[in-house]
Amino acid sequence: MRSLGLTFLVISIFLTAASAAGVLAPAPAPVSSAEFIRASCENTMFPELCYQTLKGYANVVKKDLARLVKVSIGLTLTRAKFMSAYVENLIRQAQPEPPAATLLSVCVECYRDAEFYWRDSSKLMQRLSGNRKELRDQLNKVLSRISPVPTNEDDCTDAIESISDPALKAAVFGRADEARKGAFITFDLVATIVRQAEPMVP
């Protein structure tokens, strides 16, 4: 009897320790890829826009934050390429007065720089490999690479706000503001994956 009691005591201690360590913690409820995207977007400055932009890629993302980041970078790169071409074409066709043309040229340069940063960060994301510490360092490099973009796009929208021609301003501001928000969303998603990588490293 004493032996049996001792056995129960040992089992009880083991179960208590295992539970405290999280070994026996209940498994999280399964979520769909769309719900995963919505939850990830809550970490961004524009959660609803983030979700509406990315939910169509649920089958690609498959509840994987790295895949979500790659998709977001790809979309943001495409938007930057479109905006640089769009604003450049607007300058050529509308032939605005020199002050407005100068302000729009600021945006063209911002979007060209953004193209470079997003393309470079996309390549870095595709090459992620190594141990946990190496992955964290690589993700930090991605975040550092894209860090100038949101500020640059803020500068662009500020420049457009200064344009005195209402029609010209209307032709570009909405698109520029959408691109700016997209840049912040992608930056926030990259920052999220960097934060999640931190505890993985001793």
Protein backbone atom coordinates (compact mmCIF):
# COMPACT_ATOMS: atom_id res chain seq x y z
CA MET A 1 0.00 0.00 0.00
CA ARG A 2 2.77 2.34 0.88
CA SER A 3 4.37 1.64 -2.52
CA LEU A 4 1.09 2.35 -4.29
CA GLY A 5 0.67 5.62 -2.43
CA LEU A 6 4.19 6.66 -3.33
CA THR A 7 3.48 5.89 -6.99
CA PHE A 8 0.39 8.12 -6.98
CA LEU A 9 2.39 10.90 -5.32
CA VAL A 10 5.11 10.74 -7.99
CA ILE A 11 2.52 10.79 -10.79
CA SER A 12 0.74 13.74 -9.17
CA ILE A 13 3.99 15.71 -8.89
CA PHE A 14 4.86 14.95 -12.51
CA LEU A 15 1.45 16.08 -13.80
CA THR A 16 1.63 19.31 -11.80
CA ALA A 17 5.13 20.10 -13.08
CA ALA A 18 4.21 19.23 -16.65
CA SER A 19 1.16 21.44 -16.54
CA ALA A 20 3.18 24.34 -15.10
CA ALA A 21 5.69 23.96 -17.89
CA GLY A 22 2.95 24.17 -20.48
CA VAL A 23 3.48 20.60 -21.63
CA LEU A 24 -0.14 19.71 -21.00
CA ALA A 25 -1.57 23.12 -21.90
CA PRO A 26 -4.72 22.78 -24.00
CA ALA A 27 -4.14 23.05 -27.72
CA PRO A 28 -5.36 26.34 -29.19
CA ALA A 29 -8.60 26.17 -31.12
CA PRO A 30 -7.99 25.70 -34.83
CA VAL A 31 -8.44 28.84 -36.90
CA SER A 32 -8.91 29.29 -40.61
CA SER A 33 -6.28 31.00 -42.74
CA ALA A 34 -8.59 34.00 -43.09
CA GLU A 35 -8.92 34.26 -39.29
CA PHE A 36 -5.15 33.97 -38.99
CA ILE A 37 -4.75 36.88 -41.41
CA ARG A 38 -7.29 38.97 -39.49
CA ALA A 39 -5.48 38.27 -36.20
CA SER A 40 -2.11 39.14 -37.76
CA CYS A 41 -3.53 42.36 -39.19
CA GLU A 42 -4.52 43.47 -35.68
CA ASN A 43 -0.81 44.15 -35.16
CA THR A 44 -0.81 46.79 -37.91
CA MET A 45 -1.73 50.46 -37.97
CA PHE A 46 -4.60 49.81 -40.40
CA PRO A 47 -6.04 46.41 -39.42
CA GLU A 48 -9.20 46.46 -41.54
CA LEU A 49 -7.42 47.64 -44.70
CA CYS A 50 -4.73 45.03 -44.03
CA TYR A 51 -7.32 42.27 -43.77
CA GLN A 52 -9.29 43.36 -46.84
CA THR A 53 -6.06 43.55 -48.86
CA LEU A 54 -4.65 40.18 -47.80
CA LYS A 55 -7.65 37.92 -47.14
CA GLY A 56 -7.79 36.85 -50.79
CA TYR A 57 -4.41 35.17 -50.32
CA ALA A 58 -5.53 32.87 -47.49
CA ASN A 59 -4.84 29.73 -49.52
CA VAL A 60 -1.29 30.92 -50.18
CA VAL A 61 -0.60 32.07 -46.62
CA LYS A 62 -1.83 28.85 -44.91
CA LYS A 63 -1.54 30.35 -41.41
CA ASP A 64 2.17 31.05 -41.90
CA LEU A 65 3.33 34.54 -40.88
CA ALA A 66 6.43 34.40 -43.09
CA ARG A 67 4.24 33.66 -46.11
CA LEU A 68 1.90 36.49 -45.14
CA VAL A 69 4.86 38.87 -44.97
CA LYS A 70 6.11 37.72 -48.38
CA VAL A 71 2.68 38.29 -49.94
CA SER A 72 2.40 41.73 -48.35
CA ILE A 73 5.87 42.74 -49.54
CA GLY A 74 5.01 41.57 -53.06
CA LEU A 75 1.80 43.61 -53.13
CA THR A 76 3.54 46.68 -51.72
CA LEU A 77 6.31 46.39 -54.31
CA THR A 78 3.72 46.18 -57.10
CA ARG A 79 1.97 49.27 -55.72
CA ALA A 80 5.23 51.24 -55.53
CA LYS A 81 6.05 50.35 -59.15
CA PHE A 82 2.58 51.43 -60.25
CA MET A 83 2.78 54.71 -58.34
CA SER A 84 6.18 55.74 -59.70
CA ALA A 85 4.94 55.13 -63.26
CA TYR A 86 1.57 56.77 -62.58
CA VAL A 87 2.96 59.99 -61.09
CA GLU A 88 5.68 60.23 -63.74
CA ASN A 89 3.04 59.88 -66.45
CA LEU A 90 0.86 62.47 -64.72
CA ILE A 91 3.71 64.99 -64.77
CA ARG A 92 4.28 64.32 -68.44
CA GLN A 93 0.63 64.58 -69.49
CA ALA A 94 -0.68 67.30 -67.16
CA GLN A 95 2.44 69.46 -67.47
CA PRO A 96 1.79 71.17 -64.13
CA GLU A 97 3.32 74.46 -63.06
CA PRO A 98 6.93 74.14 -61.80
CA PRO A 99 6.05 74.15 -58.07
CA ALA A 100 3.58 71.30 -58.49
CA ALA A 101 5.89 69.43 -60.84
CA THR A 102 8.65 69.64 -58.25
CA LEU A 103 6.38 68.32 -55.51
CA LEU A 104 5.25 65.42 -57.69
CA SER A 105 8.85 64.65 -58.57
CA VAL A 106 9.48 64.15 -54.85
CA CYS A 107 6.90 61.36 -54.98
CA VAL A 108 8.46 59.75 -58.04
CA GLU A 109 11.78 59.53 -56.23
CA CYS A 110 10.09 58.19 -53.09
CA TYR A 111 8.40 55.42 -55.04
CA ARG A 112 11.54 54.53 -56.94
CA ASP A 113 13.42 54.24 -53.66
CA ALA A 114 10.56 52.17 -52.26
CA GLU A 115 10.77 49.81 -55.24
CA PHE A 116 14.42 49.19 -54.46
CA TYR A 117 13.82 48.58 -50.75
CA TRP A 118 10.83 46.29 -51.27
CA ARG A 119 12.54 44.29 -54.00
CA ASP A 120 15.63 43.86 -51.84
CA SER A 121 13.57 42.83 -48.81
CA SER A 122 11.62 40.34 -50.94
CA LYS A 123 14.88 38.68 -51.95
CA LEU A 124 16.00 38.57 -48.31
CA MET A 125 12.72 36.90 -47.29
CA GLN A 126 13.10 34.28 -50.02
CA ARG A 127 16.57 33.39 -48.75
CA LEU A 128 15.69 32.91 -45.07
CA SER A 129 17.63 29.96 -43.70
CA GLY A 130 19.87 28.80 -40.87
CA ASN A 131 19.40 28.33 -37.15
CA ARG A 132 17.09 30.40 -35.00
CA LYS A 133 19.61 33.12 -34.25
CA GLU A 134 20.53 33.43 -37.92
CA LEU A 135 16.86 33.68 -38.86
CA ARG A 136 16.32 36.44 -36.32
CA ASP A 137 19.32 38.36 -37.66
CA GLN A 138 18.05 37.99 -41.23
CA LEU A 139 14.57 39.20 -40.26
CA ASN A 140 16.08 42.19 -38.47
CA LYS A 141 17.96 42.98 -41.66
CA VAL A 142 14.68 42.93 -43.61
CA LEU A 143 13.11 45.31 -41.09
CA SER A 144 16.10 47.62 -41.22
CA ARG A 145 16.04 47.58 -45.03
CA ILE A 146 12.46 48.77 -45.31
CA SER A 147 12.50 51.19 -42.36
CA PRO A 148 12.91 54.35 -44.52
CA VAL A 149 9.89 53.57 -46.71
CA PRO A 150 6.95 54.62 -44.48
CA THR A 151 8.61 57.95 -43.65
CA ASN A 152 9.42 58.57 -47.32
CA GLU A 153 5.81 57.92 -48.30
CA ASP A 154 4.66 60.28 -45.56
CA ASP A 155 6.88 62.90 -47.23
CA CYS A 156 5.17 62.17 -50.55
CA THR A 157 1.64 62.65 -49.21
CA ASP A 158 2.78 65.84 -47.44
CA ALA A 159 4.14 67.11 -50.77
CA ILE A 160 0.85 66.35 -52.52
CA GLU A 161 -1.07 68.19 -49.80
CA SER A 162 0.95 71.29 -50.72
CA ILE A 163 -0.19 71.25 -54.37
CA SER A 164 -2.51 74.19 -54.99
CA ASP A 165 -4.26 72.74 -58.07
CA PRO A 166 -7.32 70.85 -56.67
CA ALA A 167 -7.79 68.64 -59.74
CA LEU A 168 -4.14 67.64 -59.81
CA LYS A 169 -4.14 66.94 -56.09
CA ALA A 170 -7.30 64.83 -56.39
CA ALA A 171 -5.77 62.81 -59.23
CA VAL A 172 -2.95 61.52 -57.08
CA PHE A 173 -3.67 61.93 -53.37
CA GLY A 174 -6.04 58.98 -52.91
CA ARG A 175 -3.67 56.56 -54.59
CA ALA A 176 -0.67 57.96 -52.72
CA ASP A 177 -2.45 57.65 -49.38
CA GLU A 178 -3.38 54.04 -50.14
CA ALA A 179 0.25 53.29 -51.02
CA ARG A 180 1.38 54.96 -47.78
CA LYS A 181 -1.00 52.87 -45.70
CA GLY A 182 0.10 49.71 -47.52
CA ALA A 183 3.72 50.50 -46.71
CA PHE A 184 2.90 50.91 -43.01
CA ILE A 185 0.94 47.64 -43.00
CA THR A 186 3.81 45.68 -44.50
CA PHE A 187 6.33 47.31 -42.17
CA ASP A 188 4.16 46.39 -39.17
CA LEU A 189 3.84 42.77 -40.34
CA VAL A 190 7.62 42.50 -40.71
CA ALA A 191 8.02 44.02 -37.24
CA THR A 192 5.59 41.40 -35.91
CA ILE A 193 7.57 38.47 -37.28
CA VAL A 194 10.78 39.99 -35.87
CA ARG A 195 9.17 40.23 -32.42
CA GLN A 196 8.00 36.64 -32.64
CA ALA A 197 11.51 35.52 -33.55
CA GLU A 198 13.02 37.09 -30.42
CA PRO A 199 11.93 34.42 -27.89
CA MET A 200 13.21 31.66 -30.17
CA VAL A 201 16.79 32.71 -29.52
CA PRO A 202 18.42 31.86 -26.16
